[in-house]
């Protein structure tokens, strides 16, 4: 994991902290959400050393939003 993190192909985020930066008046701001994740996806794709890079996203954000724990 350390190598992948250093290479930029693995990006670890705190779900609650990341989502809290995307909230406006207690609701998820779609523009902030898409801009943030587009940046993360672009960064990971650029770090990949393949011709057609693929990016996978796993997380707990949906669960946090449903429970409103952010």
Protein backbone atom coordinates (compact mmCIF):
# COMPACT_ATOMS: atom_id res chain seq x y z
CA UNK A 1 0.00 0.00 0.00
CA UNK A 2 2.86 2.35 0.75
CA UNK A 3 4.25 1.99 -2.78
CA UNK A 4 0.84 2.50 -4.37
CA UNK A 5 0.27 5.58 -2.23
CA UNK A 6 3.66 7.02 -3.13
CA UNK A 7 3.03 6.34 -6.83
CA UNK A 8 -0.36 8.06 -6.60
CA UNK A 9 -2.37 5.06 -7.78
CA UNK A 10 -3.95 4.58 -4.34
CA UNK A 11 -5.59 7.55 -2.66
CA UNK A 12 -6.94 7.08 0.85
CA UNK A 13 -9.51 9.56 2.10
CA UNK A 14 -11.43 9.95 5.32
CA UNK A 15 -15.03 9.55 4.12
CA UNK A 16 -16.64 11.76 6.76
CA UNK A 17 -14.08 14.53 6.33
CA UNK A 18 -14.24 14.41 2.53
CA UNK A 19 -18.04 14.49 2.46
CA UNK A 20 -18.21 17.28 5.03
CA UNK A 21 -16.27 19.50 2.60
CA UNK A 22 -18.95 18.80 -0.03
CA UNK A 23 -21.92 19.74 2.13
CA UNK A 24 -23.83 23.03 1.89
CA UNK A 25 -26.63 23.79 4.35
CA UNK A 26 -26.78 20.16 5.44
CA UNK A 27 -27.05 18.76 1.91
CA UNK A 28 -24.54 17.30 -0.51
CA UNK A 29 -23.57 19.91 -3.10
CA UNK A 30 -23.48 18.07 -6.45
CA UNK A 31 -20.98 20.44 -8.05
CA UNK A 32 -18.52 20.15 -5.15
CA UNK A 33 -18.98 16.37 -5.18
CA UNK A 34 -18.32 15.96 -8.90
CA UNK A 35 -15.43 18.42 -8.97
CA UNK A 36 -13.75 16.72 -6.01
CA UNK A 37 -14.10 13.20 -7.33
CA UNK A 38 -13.16 14.22 -10.86
CA UNK A 39 -9.92 15.53 -9.37
CA UNK A 40 -9.24 12.31 -7.44
CA UNK A 41 -10.06 10.16 -10.48
CA UNK A 42 -7.91 12.28 -12.78
CA UNK A 43 -4.98 12.19 -10.38
CA UNK A 44 -5.14 8.39 -10.03
CA UNK A 45 -5.57 7.86 -13.79
CA UNK A 46 -2.55 10.07 -14.57
CA UNK A 47 -0.43 8.15 -12.07
CA UNK A 48 -1.26 4.81 -13.72
CA UNK A 49 1.36 3.54 -16.13
CA UNK A 50 -1.02 1.84 -18.56
CA UNK A 51 -2.42 2.97 -21.88
CA UNK A 52 -6.05 2.70 -20.75
CA UNK A 53 -6.03 3.25 -16.98
CA UNK A 54 -8.99 2.20 -14.88
CA UNK A 55 -9.99 3.69 -11.56
CA UNK A 56 -12.00 1.93 -8.86
CA UNK A 57 -13.68 3.76 -6.00
CA UNK A 58 -14.69 2.04 -2.79
CA UNK A 59 -16.04 3.73 0.25
CA UNK A 60 -18.51 4.31 2.97
CA UNK A 61 -19.83 7.70 1.87
CA UNK A 62 -23.32 6.51 0.96
CA UNK A 63 -23.76 4.88 4.33
CA UNK A 64 -22.64 8.06 6.08
CA UNK A 65 -25.04 10.16 4.05
CA UNK A 66 -27.93 7.80 4.79
CA UNK A 67 -27.17 7.93 8.51
CA UNK A 68 -26.35 11.66 8.32
CA UNK A 69 -23.19 11.14 10.35
CA UNK A 70 -21.22 13.93 8.71
